[in-house]
């Protein structure tokens, strides 16, 4: 699983703090879903996000090892 977050200062970026508390990617995903809402549809949308949409923009890519 790869989690793309906007730059610091936006709500989704707070999820990265969990990694310093020994949380895993699954914990970060759950925090984002609970505290921010659902993931955006594609990572490219993060590049075009204005300040208003960056408040809730993050993307989770499910990676299948071995493929």
Protein backbone atom coordinates (compact mmCIF):
# COMPACT_ATOMS: atom_id res chain seq x y z
CA UNK A 1 0.00 0.00 0.00
CA UNK A 2 1.28 3.45 -0.93
CA UNK A 3 -0.31 6.53 0.63
CA UNK A 4 0.10 9.88 -1.08
CA UNK A 5 -0.43 12.88 1.20
CA UNK A 6 -0.35 16.62 0.47
CA UNK A 7 2.32 18.89 1.93
CA UNK A 8 2.26 19.65 5.63
CA UNK A 9 -0.36 22.04 6.86
CA UNK A 10 -3.37 20.16 5.50
CA UNK A 11 -5.45 17.74 7.56
CA UNK A 12 -4.40 14.57 5.65
CA UNK A 13 -0.72 15.28 6.32
CA UNK A 14 -1.36 14.76 10.05
CA UNK A 15 -1.60 11.04 9.29
CA UNK A 16 2.15 10.91 8.69
CA UNK A 17 2.69 11.69 12.39
CA UNK A 18 1.31 8.25 13.18
CA UNK A 19 4.35 6.67 11.53
CA UNK A 20 6.55 8.24 14.23
CA UNK A 21 4.37 6.48 16.80
CA UNK A 22 5.06 3.02 15.29
CA UNK A 23 1.74 2.85 13.42
CA UNK A 24 1.61 0.94 10.15
CA UNK A 25 0.09 1.82 6.79
CA UNK A 26 -3.17 0.14 7.78
CA UNK A 27 -3.41 2.38 10.85
CA UNK A 28 -2.75 5.46 8.72
CA UNK A 29 -5.41 4.39 6.20
CA UNK A 30 -7.97 3.89 8.97
CA UNK A 31 -7.14 7.29 10.52
CA UNK A 32 -7.54 9.01 7.15
CA UNK A 33 -10.86 7.33 6.42
CA UNK A 34 -12.16 8.20 9.89
CA UNK A 35 -10.82 11.75 10.22
CA UNK A 36 -10.65 13.03 6.63
CA UNK A 37 -13.01 10.93 4.52
CA UNK A 38 -12.57 8.75 1.46
CA UNK A 39 -9.51 8.80 -0.78
CA UNK A 40 -9.61 10.76 -4.03
CA UNK A 41 -10.02 8.77 -7.26
CA UNK A 42 -6.49 9.18 -8.66
CA UNK A 43 -3.10 10.46 -7.52
CA UNK A 44 -2.90 12.99 -10.37
CA UNK A 45 -5.68 14.97 -8.71
CA UNK A 46 -3.27 15.85 -5.90
CA UNK A 47 -1.21 17.88 -8.37
CA UNK A 48 -4.20 20.05 -9.26
CA UNK A 49 -5.57 20.40 -5.74
CA UNK A 50 -6.15 23.96 -4.58
CA UNK A 51 -6.00 24.85 -0.89
CA UNK A 52 -9.68 24.02 -0.33
CA UNK A 53 -9.56 20.57 -1.89
CA UNK A 54 -6.13 19.78 -0.37
CA UNK A 55 -7.82 19.91 3.03
CA UNK A 56 -9.34 16.50 2.26
CA UNK A 57 -7.17 15.19 -0.58
CA UNK A 58 -5.09 12.04 -0.26
CA UNK A 59 -4.70 8.93 -2.39
CA UNK A 60 -4.16 5.31 -1.46
CA UNK A 61 -2.71 2.94 -4.04
CA UNK A 62 -3.08 -0.73 -3.28
CA UNK A 63 0.09 -2.48 -4.41
CA UNK A 64 0.15 -6.18 -5.05
CA UNK A 65 3.69 -7.51 -4.44
CA UNK A 66 4.91 -10.06 -6.91
CA UNK A 67 2.94 -8.84 -9.89
